[in-house]
N, C-alpha and C. Protein backbone atom coordinates (compact mmCIF):
# COMPACT_ATOMS: atom_id res chain seq x y z
N MET A 1 -24.97 28.63 -4.68
CA MET A 1 -24.35 27.78 -5.71
C MET A 1 -25.47 27.06 -6.48
N SER A 2 -25.40 27.13 -7.75
CA SER A 2 -26.44 26.50 -8.57
C SER A 2 -26.26 24.99 -8.62
N THR A 3 -27.27 24.32 -9.09
CA THR A 3 -27.24 22.87 -9.21
C THR A 3 -26.14 22.43 -10.17
N ASP A 4 -25.96 23.19 -11.25
CA ASP A 4 -24.91 22.85 -12.22
C ASP A 4 -23.52 22.92 -11.59
N GLU A 5 -23.29 23.97 -10.78
CA GLU A 5 -21.98 24.12 -10.13
C GLU A 5 -21.75 22.98 -9.14
N LYS A 6 -22.79 22.62 -8.40
CA LYS A 6 -22.68 21.52 -7.44
C LYS A 6 -22.33 20.22 -8.17
N LEU A 7 -23.01 20.00 -9.30
CA LEU A 7 -22.77 18.80 -10.08
C LEU A 7 -21.34 18.78 -10.62
N LYS A 8 -20.89 19.93 -11.15
CA LYS A 8 -19.51 20.02 -11.66
C LYS A 8 -18.51 19.73 -10.55
N ASN A 9 -18.74 20.33 -9.37
CA ASN A 9 -17.82 20.11 -8.25
C ASN A 9 -17.81 18.65 -7.81
N LYS A 10 -18.98 18.04 -7.81
CA LYS A 10 -19.08 16.63 -7.43
C LYS A 10 -18.31 15.76 -8.42
N ILE A 11 -18.46 16.06 -9.71
CA ILE A 11 -17.75 15.29 -10.75
C ILE A 11 -16.25 15.49 -10.62
N LEU A 12 -15.82 16.74 -10.41
CA LEU A 12 -14.39 17.02 -10.23
C LEU A 12 -13.83 16.30 -9.01
N ASP A 13 -14.57 16.34 -7.90
CA ASP A 13 -14.14 15.64 -6.69
C ASP A 13 -13.96 14.15 -6.96
N GLU A 14 -14.91 13.58 -7.69
CA GLU A 14 -14.86 12.15 -8.00
C GLU A 14 -13.66 11.83 -8.90
N MET A 15 -13.40 12.71 -9.87
CA MET A 15 -12.26 12.50 -10.77
C MET A 15 -10.93 12.59 -10.01
N ILE A 16 -10.84 13.56 -9.10
CA ILE A 16 -9.61 13.72 -8.30
C ILE A 16 -9.43 12.50 -7.40
N LYS A 17 -10.51 12.07 -6.78
CA LYS A 17 -10.46 10.89 -5.90
C LYS A 17 -9.98 9.66 -6.68
N GLN A 18 -10.52 9.47 -7.88
CA GLN A 18 -10.14 8.34 -8.73
C GLN A 18 -8.67 8.41 -9.11
N ALA A 19 -8.21 9.62 -9.48
CA ALA A 19 -6.81 9.80 -9.87
C ALA A 19 -5.88 9.49 -8.71
N LEU A 20 -6.24 9.93 -7.51
CA LEU A 20 -5.42 9.64 -6.33
C LEU A 20 -5.38 8.15 -6.03
N GLU A 21 -6.52 7.49 -6.14
CA GLU A 21 -6.57 6.04 -5.91
C GLU A 21 -5.69 5.30 -6.92
N ASN A 22 -5.75 5.72 -8.18
CA ASN A 22 -4.92 5.08 -9.20
C ASN A 22 -3.44 5.28 -8.91
N HIS A 23 -3.10 6.48 -8.46
CA HIS A 23 -1.70 6.79 -8.14
C HIS A 23 -1.21 5.93 -6.97
N VAL A 24 -2.04 5.82 -5.94
CA VAL A 24 -1.69 5.00 -4.78
C VAL A 24 -1.54 3.54 -5.18
N ASN A 25 -2.42 3.05 -6.03
CA ASN A 25 -2.34 1.66 -6.48
C ASN A 25 -1.06 1.40 -7.25
N LYS A 26 -0.64 2.36 -8.08
CA LYS A 26 0.62 2.21 -8.82
C LYS A 26 1.79 2.12 -7.85
N ILE A 27 1.79 2.99 -6.85
CA ILE A 27 2.87 3.00 -5.86
C ILE A 27 2.88 1.68 -5.08
N ASN A 28 1.70 1.22 -4.68
CA ASN A 28 1.62 -0.03 -3.91
C ASN A 28 2.12 -1.22 -4.71
N LYS A 29 1.89 -1.23 -6.01
CA LYS A 29 2.38 -2.33 -6.84
C LYS A 29 3.89 -2.26 -7.00
N GLN A 30 4.43 -1.04 -6.98
CA GLN A 30 5.85 -0.84 -7.25
C GLN A 30 6.73 -1.24 -6.06
N TYR A 31 6.24 -1.02 -4.84
CA TYR A 31 7.05 -1.26 -3.65
C TYR A 31 6.44 -2.37 -2.80
N PRO A 32 7.28 -3.17 -2.14
CA PRO A 32 6.76 -4.22 -1.26
C PRO A 32 6.13 -3.62 0.00
N THR A 33 5.18 -4.32 0.57
CA THR A 33 4.54 -3.84 1.80
C THR A 33 5.46 -4.08 2.99
N ASN A 34 5.15 -3.46 4.12
CA ASN A 34 5.93 -3.66 5.34
C ASN A 34 5.90 -5.13 5.75
N GLN A 35 4.76 -5.77 5.58
CA GLN A 35 4.64 -7.18 5.95
C GLN A 35 5.55 -8.05 5.08
N GLU A 36 5.60 -7.77 3.79
CA GLU A 36 6.48 -8.52 2.89
C GLU A 36 7.94 -8.30 3.27
N LEU A 37 8.28 -7.06 3.60
CA LEU A 37 9.66 -6.77 3.98
C LEU A 37 10.03 -7.47 5.28
N SER A 38 9.11 -7.46 6.25
CA SER A 38 9.42 -8.08 7.54
C SER A 38 9.60 -9.58 7.40
N THR A 39 8.83 -10.23 6.53
CA THR A 39 9.00 -11.67 6.35
C THR A 39 10.25 -11.96 5.53
N ARG A 40 10.60 -11.06 4.66
CA ARG A 40 11.77 -11.26 3.81
C ARG A 40 13.06 -11.16 4.63
N TYR A 41 13.07 -10.30 5.64
CA TYR A 41 14.30 -10.04 6.38
C TYR A 41 14.29 -10.59 7.80
N THR A 42 13.51 -11.64 8.06
CA THR A 42 13.56 -12.29 9.37
C THR A 42 14.17 -13.68 9.19
N PHE A 43 14.69 -14.22 10.28
CA PHE A 43 15.30 -15.55 10.21
C PHE A 43 14.24 -16.62 10.05
N SER A 44 14.59 -17.66 9.35
CA SER A 44 13.67 -18.78 9.22
C SER A 44 13.74 -19.62 10.49
N ALA A 45 12.71 -20.41 10.76
CA ALA A 45 12.65 -21.23 11.97
C ALA A 45 13.81 -22.22 12.05
N PRO A 46 14.17 -22.95 10.97
CA PRO A 46 15.28 -23.90 11.07
C PRO A 46 16.61 -23.22 11.43
N PHE A 47 16.82 -22.02 10.92
CA PHE A 47 18.05 -21.30 11.24
C PHE A 47 18.11 -20.96 12.73
N GLU A 48 16.99 -20.52 13.29
CA GLU A 48 16.95 -20.19 14.71
C GLU A 48 17.23 -21.43 15.56
N LYS A 49 16.70 -22.59 15.16
CA LYS A 49 16.93 -23.82 15.92
C LYS A 49 18.40 -24.22 15.87
N LYS A 50 19.01 -24.15 14.69
CA LYS A 50 20.43 -24.47 14.57
C LYS A 50 21.27 -23.54 15.43
N ASP A 51 20.92 -22.27 15.39
CA ASP A 51 21.64 -21.25 16.14
C ASP A 51 21.53 -21.52 17.64
N ALA A 52 20.36 -21.92 18.11
CA ALA A 52 20.13 -22.18 19.53
C ALA A 52 20.95 -23.38 20.00
N LYS A 53 21.14 -24.38 19.15
CA LYS A 53 21.89 -25.58 19.53
C LYS A 53 23.38 -25.28 19.69
N THR A 54 23.90 -24.35 18.90
CA THR A 54 25.34 -24.09 18.95
C THR A 54 25.73 -23.22 20.14
N ILE A 55 24.77 -22.57 20.78
CA ILE A 55 25.11 -21.67 21.90
C ILE A 55 25.33 -22.45 23.17
């Protein structure tokens, strides 16, 4: 493989890598993370205390 071909392949690899990173970043911005979801759908501390008193 010539130096030119190696350079072309390296540039293409870098472009593909960049495109994939951009795509992943778009997806990450669009959807909430697992941590955000878990905090969104867990009970708050005051609710748990009230619930414990009524039992």
